[in-house]
Every structure is written in structure tokens, then in C-alpha cells.
Amino acid sequence: QEKLQYDPEFGIVRIEIVGGELLYA
């Protein structure tokens, strides 16, 4: 898989979903 080029200091984002709704990111 290609290594995605993103800002390592910002990091990646994880989105948590419960019951079809956003819980938090």
C-alpha cells in the first residue's frame, strides 16, 4: 500500500462511531 504523505506532527485522525452517529474524533 502506498505510504500516505501527511503531516506527521498533525498525525492521522480516528473517528469513533456508535449507532450510526459520531461519538468523537
PDB file of all heavy atoms in Angstrom:
ATOM      1  N   GLN A   1       0.842  -1.200   0.000  1.00  0.00           N
ATOM      2  CA  GLN A   1       0.000   0.000   0.000  1.00  0.00           C
ATOM      3  C   GLN A   1       0.876   1.249   0.000  1.00  0.00           C
ATOM      4  O   GLN A   1       1.878   1.322   0.716  1.00  0.00           O
ATOM      5  CB  GLN A   1      -0.889  -0.005   1.243  1.00  0.00           C
ATOM      6  CG  GLN A   1      -1.932   1.090   1.272  1.00  0.00           C
ATOM      7  CD  GLN A   1      -2.924   0.856   2.410  1.00  0.00           C
ATOM      8  OE1 GLN A   1      -2.772   1.390   3.494  1.00  0.00           O
ATOM      9  NE2 GLN A   1      -3.925   0.019   2.151  1.00  0.00           N
ATOM     10  N   GLU A   2       0.488   2.213  -0.822  1.00  0.00           N
ATOM     11  CA  GLU A   2       1.249   3.458  -0.863  1.00  0.00           C
ATOM     12  C   GLU A   2       1.339   4.075   0.535  1.00  0.00           C
ATOM     13  O   GLU A   2       0.396   4.013   1.325  1.00  0.00           O
ATOM     14  CB  GLU A   2       0.602   4.457  -1.815  1.00  0.00           C
ATOM     15  CG  GLU A   2      -0.756   4.970  -1.374  1.00  0.00           C
ATOM     16  CD  GLU A   2      -1.255   6.120  -2.235  1.00  0.00           C
ATOM     17  OE1 GLU A   2      -0.466   7.065  -2.463  1.00  0.00           O
ATOM     18  OE2 GLU A   2      -2.426   6.066  -2.662  1.00  0.00           O
ATOM     19  N   LYS A   3       2.487   4.635   0.854  1.00  0.00           N
ATOM     20  CA  LYS A   3       2.651   5.345   2.116  1.00  0.00           C
ATOM     21  C   LYS A   3       2.083   6.750   1.945  1.00  0.00           C
ATOM     22  O   LYS A   3       2.594   7.553   1.169  1.00  0.00           O
ATOM     23  CB  LYS A   3       4.123   5.418   2.519  1.00  0.00           C
ATOM     24  CG  LYS A   3       4.334   6.082   3.869  1.00  0.00           C
ATOM     25  CD  LYS A   3       5.804   6.183   4.232  1.00  0.00           C
ATOM     26  CE  LYS A   3       5.963   6.875   5.592  1.00  0.00           C
ATOM     27  NZ  LYS A   3       7.395   7.038   5.945  1.00  0.00           N
ATOM     28  N   LEU A   4       1.019   7.020   2.665  1.00  0.00           N
ATOM     29  CA  LEU A   4       0.347   8.305   2.519  1.00  0.00           C
ATOM     30  C   LEU A   4       1.238   9.429   3.035  1.00  0.00           C
ATOM     31  O   LEU A   4       1.819   9.330   4.122  1.00  0.00           O
ATOM     32  CB  LEU A   4      -0.983   8.283   3.272  1.00  0.00           C
ATOM     33  CG  LEU A   4      -2.007   7.262   2.753  1.00  0.00           C
ATOM     34  CD1 LEU A   4      -3.229   7.232   3.655  1.00  0.00           C
ATOM     35  CD2 LEU A   4      -2.409   7.589   1.314  1.00  0.00           C
ATOM     36  N   GLN A   5       1.321  10.496   2.261  1.00  0.00           N
ATOM     37  CA  GLN A   5       2.168  11.628   2.617  1.00  0.00           C
ATOM     38  C   GLN A   5       1.332  12.670   3.357  1.00  0.00           C
ATOM     39  O   GLN A   5       0.594  13.450   2.757  1.00  0.00           O
ATOM     40  CB  GLN A   5       2.787  12.224   1.351  1.00  0.00           C
ATOM     41  CG  GLN A   5       3.627  11.232   0.556  1.00  0.00           C
ATOM     42  CD  GLN A   5       4.763  10.637   1.378  1.00  0.00           C
ATOM     43  OE1 GLN A   5       5.503  11.344   2.055  1.00  0.00           O
ATOM     44  NE2 GLN A   5       4.906   9.310   1.311  1.00  0.00           N
ATOM     45  N   TYR A   6       1.430  12.642   4.669  1.00  0.00           N
ATOM     46  CA  TYR A   6       0.685  13.584   5.508  1.00  0.00           C
ATOM     47  C   TYR A   6       1.636  14.193   6.529  1.00  0.00           C
ATOM     48  O   TYR A   6       2.770  13.734   6.702  1.00  0.00           O
ATOM     49  CB  TYR A   6      -0.487  12.882   6.199  1.00  0.00           C
ATOM     50  CG  TYR A   6      -0.080  11.781   7.155  1.00  0.00           C
ATOM     51  CD1 TYR A   6       0.153  12.052   8.500  1.00  0.00           C
ATOM     52  CD2 TYR A   6       0.072  10.472   6.710  1.00  0.00           C
ATOM     53  CE1 TYR A   6       0.536  11.045   9.383  1.00  0.00           C
ATOM     54  CE2 TYR A   6       0.458   9.466   7.579  1.00  0.00           C
ATOM     55  CZ  TYR A   6       0.683   9.759   8.913  1.00  0.00           C
ATOM     56  OH  TYR A   6       1.065   8.768   9.772  1.00  0.00           O
ATOM     57  N   ASP A   7       1.166  15.206   7.209  1.00  0.00           N
ATOM     58  CA  ASP A   7       1.980  15.908   8.201  1.00  0.00           C
ATOM     59  C   ASP A   7       2.121  15.030   9.444  1.00  0.00           C
ATOM     60  O   ASP A   7       1.129  14.823  10.160  1.00  0.00           O
ATOM     61  CB  ASP A   7       1.316  17.238   8.565  1.00  0.00           C
ATOM     62  CG  ASP A   7       2.108  18.039   9.584  1.00  0.00           C
ATOM     63  OD1 ASP A   7       3.149  17.549  10.062  1.00  0.00           O
ATOM     64  OD2 ASP A   7       1.667  19.163   9.922  1.00  0.00           O
ATOM     65  N   PRO A   8       3.304  14.491   9.729  1.00  0.00           N
ATOM     66  CA  PRO A   8       3.439  13.593  10.886  1.00  0.00           C
ATOM     67  C   PRO A   8       3.226  14.294  12.219  1.00  0.00           C
ATOM     68  O   PRO A   8       2.869  13.651  13.207  1.00  0.00           O
ATOM     69  CB  PRO A   8       4.872  13.060  10.758  1.00  0.00           C
ATOM     70  CG  PRO A   8       5.593  14.097   9.963  1.00  0.00           C
ATOM     71  CD  PRO A   8       4.585  14.669   9.016  1.00  0.00           C
ATOM     72  N   GLU A   9       3.427  15.605  12.271  1.00  0.00           N
ATOM     73  CA  GLU A   9       3.192  16.323  13.528  1.00  0.00           C
ATOM     74  C   GLU A   9       1.709  16.484  13.801  1.00  0.00           C
ATOM     75  O   GLU A   9       1.296  16.547  14.962  1.00  0.00           O
ATOM     76  CB  GLU A   9       3.889  17.687  13.489  1.00  0.00           C
ATOM     77  CG  GLU A   9       5.412  17.587  13.440  1.00  0.00           C
ATOM     78  CD  GLU A   9       6.079  18.936  13.541  1.00  0.00           C
ATOM     79  OE1 GLU A   9       5.358  19.958  13.717  1.00  0.00           O
ATOM     80  OE2 GLU A   9       7.317  18.982  13.456  1.00  0.00           O
ATOM     81  N   PHE A  10       0.921  16.580  12.750  1.00  0.00           N
ATOM     82  CA  PHE A  10      -0.539  16.601  12.913  1.00  0.00           C
ATOM     83  C   PHE A  10      -1.058  15.197  13.201  1.00  0.00           C
ATOM     84  O   PHE A  10      -1.959  14.998  13.999  1.00  0.00           O
ATOM     85  CB  PHE A  10      -1.196  17.164  11.656  1.00  0.00           C
ATOM     86  CG  PHE A  10      -2.702  17.166  11.695  1.00  0.00           C
ATOM     87  CD1 PHE A  10      -3.384  18.206  12.293  1.00  0.00           C
ATOM     88  CD2 PHE A  10      -3.428  16.125  11.125  1.00  0.00           C
ATOM     89  CE1 PHE A  10      -4.785  18.211  12.339  1.00  0.00           C
ATOM     90  CE2 PHE A  10      -4.817  16.124  11.158  1.00  0.00           C
ATOM     91  CZ  PHE A  10      -5.483  17.171  11.767  1.00  0.00           C
ATOM     92  N   GLY A  11      -0.480  14.198  12.533  1.00  0.00           N
ATOM     93  CA  GLY A  11      -0.882  12.815  12.719  1.00  0.00           C
ATOM     94  C   GLY A  11      -2.039  12.420  11.835  1.00  0.00           C
ATOM     95  O   GLY A  11      -2.388  13.091  10.866  1.00  0.00           O
ATOM     96  N   ILE A  12      -2.638  11.299  12.170  1.00  0.00           N
ATOM     97  CA  ILE A  12      -3.821  10.823  11.457  1.00  0.00           C
ATOM     98  C   ILE A  12      -5.050  11.114  12.324  1.00  0.00           C
ATOM     99  O   ILE A  12      -4.924  11.553  13.482  1.00  0.00           O
ATOM    100  CB  ILE A  12      -3.720   9.326  11.118  1.00  0.00           C
ATOM    101  CG1 ILE A  12      -3.630   8.453  12.393  1.00  0.00           C
ATOM    102  CG2 ILE A  12      -2.520   9.075  10.222  1.00  0.00           C
ATOM    103  CD1 ILE A  12      -4.928   7.931  12.912  1.00  0.00           C
ATOM    104  N   VAL A  13      -6.216  10.877  11.788  1.00  0.00           N
ATOM    105  CA  VAL A  13      -7.458  11.136  12.515  1.00  0.00           C
ATOM    106  C   VAL A  13      -8.230   9.832  12.651  1.00  0.00           C
ATOM    107  O   VAL A  13      -8.338   9.055  11.697  1.00  0.00           O
ATOM    108  CB  VAL A  13      -8.320  12.192  11.796  1.00  0.00           C
ATOM    109  CG1 VAL A  13      -9.647  12.387  12.533  1.00  0.00           C
ATOM    110  CG2 VAL A  13      -7.568  13.506  11.689  1.00  0.00           C
ATOM    111  N   ARG A  14      -8.745   9.605  13.845  1.00  0.00           N
ATOM    112  CA  ARG A  14      -9.606   8.442  14.094  1.00  0.00           C
ATOM    113  C   ARG A  14     -10.986   8.955  14.488  1.00  0.00           C
ATOM    114  O   ARG A  14     -11.109   9.779  15.412  1.00  0.00           O
ATOM    115  CB  ARG A  14      -9.036   7.547  15.179  1.00  0.00           C
ATOM    116  CG  ARG A  14      -9.904   6.306  15.449  1.00  0.00           C
ATOM    117  CD  ARG A  14      -9.210   5.351  16.388  1.00  0.00           C
ATOM    118  NE  ARG A  14     -10.081   4.248  16.792  1.00  0.00           N
ATOM    119  CZ  ARG A  14      -9.820   2.971  16.580  1.00  0.00           C
ATOM    120  NH1 ARG A  14      -8.722   2.629  15.938  1.00  0.00           N
ATOM    121  NH2 ARG A  14     -10.641   2.029  16.990  1.00  0.00           N
ATOM    122  N   ILE A  15     -11.992   8.473  13.779  1.00  0.00           N
ATOM    123  CA  ILE A  15     -13.382   8.852  14.020  1.00  0.00           C
ATOM    124  C   ILE A  15     -14.094   7.681  14.671  1.00  0.00           C
ATOM    125  O   ILE A  15     -14.088   6.571  14.132  1.00  0.00           O
ATOM    126  CB  ILE A  15     -14.079   9.247  12.703  1.00  0.00           C
ATOM    127  CG1 ILE A  15     -13.451  10.521  12.126  1.00  0.00           C
ATOM    128  CG2 ILE A  15     -15.581   9.434  12.915  1.00  0.00           C
ATOM    129  CD1 ILE A  15     -13.999  10.909  10.775  1.00  0.00           C
ATOM    130  N   GLU A  16     -14.690   7.922  15.826  1.00  0.00           N
ATOM    131  CA  GLU A  16     -15.427   6.874  16.540  1.00  0.00           C
ATOM    132  C   GLU A  16     -16.926   7.047  16.310  1.00  0.00           C
ATOM    133  O   GLU A  16     -17.469   8.143  16.467  1.00  0.00           O
ATOM    134  CB  GLU A  16     -15.129   6.930  18.040  1.00  0.00           C
ATOM    135  CG  GLU A  16     -13.664   6.720  18.395  1.00  0.00           C
ATOM    136  CD  GLU A  16     -13.198   5.278  18.209  1.00  0.00           C
ATOM    137  OE1 GLU A  16     -14.020   4.426  17.804  1.00  0.00           O
ATOM    138  OE2 GLU A  16     -12.010   5.014  18.467  1.00  0.00           O
ATOM    139  N   ILE A  17     -17.571   5.947  15.929  1.00  0.00           N
ATOM    140  CA  ILE A  17     -18.997   5.941  15.607  1.00  0.00           C
ATOM    141  C   ILE A  17     -19.698   4.936  16.510  1.00  0.00           C
ATOM    142  O   ILE A  17     -19.231   3.807  16.677  1.00  0.00           O
ATOM    143  CB  ILE A  17     -19.210   5.573  14.129  1.00  0.00           C
ATOM    144  CG1 ILE A  17     -18.646   6.671  13.223  1.00  0.00           C
ATOM    145  CG2 ILE A  17     -20.692   5.333  13.838  1.00  0.00           C
ATOM    146  CD1 ILE A  17     -18.610   6.291  11.770  1.00  0.00           C
ATOM    147  N   VAL A  18     -20.814   5.346  17.071  1.00  0.00           N
ATOM    148  CA  VAL A  18     -21.653   4.456  17.871  1.00  0.00           C
ATOM    149  C   VAL A  18     -23.093   4.602  17.381  1.00  0.00           C
ATOM    150  O   VAL A  18     -23.654   5.706  17.389  1.00  0.00           O
ATOM    151  CB  VAL A  18     -21.576   4.787  19.377  1.00  0.00           C
ATOM    152  CG1 VAL A  18     -22.568   3.918  20.167  1.00  0.00           C
ATOM    153  CG2 VAL A  18     -20.163   4.575  19.903  1.00  0.00           C
ATOM    154  N   GLY A  19     -23.664   3.510  16.923  1.00  0.00           N
ATOM    155  CA  GLY A  19     -25.059   3.527  16.485  1.00  0.00           C
ATOM    156  C   GLY A  19     -25.323   4.458  15.324  1.00  0.00           C
ATOM    157  O   GLY A  19     -26.380   5.089  15.254  1.00  0.00           O
ATOM    158  N   GLY A  20     -24.370   4.546  14.383  1.00  0.00           N
ATOM    159  CA  GLY A  20     -24.579   5.375  13.210  1.00  0.00           C
ATOM    160  C   GLY A  20     -24.412   6.856  13.446  1.00  0.00           C
ATOM    161  O   GLY A  20     -24.786   7.665  12.585  1.00  0.00           O
ATOM    162  N   GLU A  21     -23.836   7.249  14.588  1.00  0.00           N
ATOM    163  CA  GLU A  21     -23.633   8.664  14.894  1.00  0.00           C
ATOM    164  C   GLU A  21     -22.197   8.891  15.357  1.00  0.00           C
ATOM    165  O   GLU A  21     -21.570   7.998  15.952  1.00  0.00           O
ATOM    166  CB  GLU A  21     -24.601   9.124  15.992  1.00  0.00           C
ATOM    167  CG  GLU A  21     -26.070   9.013  15.618  1.00  0.00           C
ATOM    168  CD  GLU A  21     -26.989   9.431  16.755  1.00  0.00           C
ATOM    169  OE1 GLU A  21     -26.462   9.666  17.870  1.00  0.00           O
ATOM    170  OE2 GLU A  21     -28.201   9.519  16.537  1.00  0.00           O
ATOM    171  N   LEU A  22     -21.693  10.102  15.089  1.00  0.00           N
ATOM    172  CA  LEU A  22     -20.363  10.466  15.552  1.00  0.00           C
ATOM    173  C   LEU A  22     -20.334  10.533  17.075  1.00  0.00           C
ATOM    174  O   LEU A  22     -21.173  11.201  17.691  1.00  0.00           O
ATOM    175  CB  LEU A  22     -19.967  11.830  14.981  1.00  0.00           C
ATOM    176  CG  LEU A  22     -18.664  12.437  15.519  1.00  0.00           C
ATOM    177  CD1 LEU A  22     -17.455  11.631  15.076  1.00  0.00           C
ATOM    178  CD2 LEU A  22     -18.532  13.894  15.078  1.00  0.00           C
ATOM    179  N   LEU A  23     -19.376   9.809  17.676  1.00  0.00           N
ATOM    180  CA  LEU A  23     -19.157   9.932  19.116  1.00  0.00           C
ATOM    181  C   LEU A  23     -18.113  11.011  19.373  1.00  0.00           C
ATOM    182  O   LEU A  23     -18.366  11.966  20.100  1.00  0.00           O
ATOM    183  CB  LEU A  23     -18.702   8.590  19.701  1.00  0.00           C
ATOM    184  CG  LEU A  23     -18.498   8.562  21.223  1.00  0.00           C
ATOM    185  CD1 LEU A  23     -19.832   8.764  21.943  1.00  0.00           C
ATOM    186  CD2 LEU A  23     -17.845   7.254  21.663  1.00  0.00           C
ATOM    187  N   TYR A  24     -16.941  10.856  18.777  1.00  0.00           N
ATOM    188  CA  TYR A  24     -15.912  11.889  18.833  1.00  0.00           C
ATOM    189  C   TYR A  24     -14.853  11.577  17.781  1.00  0.00           C
ATOM    190  O   TYR A  24     -14.840  10.490  17.183  1.00  0.00           O
ATOM    191  CB  TYR A  24     -15.285  11.997  20.230  1.00  0.00           C
ATOM    192  CG  TYR A  24     -14.551  10.757  20.710  1.00  0.00           C
ATOM    193  CD1 TYR A  24     -13.307  10.395  20.203  1.00  0.00           C
ATOM    194  CD2 TYR A  24     -15.104   9.944  21.702  1.00  0.00           C
ATOM    195  CE1 TYR A  24     -12.642   9.268  20.647  1.00  0.00           C
ATOM    196  CE2 TYR A  24     -14.446   8.816  22.160  1.00  0.00           C
ATOM    197  CZ  TYR A  24     -13.209   8.486  21.617  1.00  0.00           C
ATOM    198  OH  TYR A  24     -12.553   7.364  22.055  1.00  0.00           O
ATOM    199  N   ALA A  25     -13.964  12.529  17.564  1.00  0.00           N
ATOM    200  CA  ALA A  25     -12.813  12.334  16.692  1.00  0.00           C
ATOM    201  C   ALA A  25     -11.560  12.754  17.443  1.00  0.00           C
ATOM    202  O   ALA A  25     -11.604  13.609  18.324  1.00  0.00           O
ATOM    203  CB  ALA A  25     -12.959  13.149  15.409  1.00  0.00           C
TER     204      ALA A  25
END
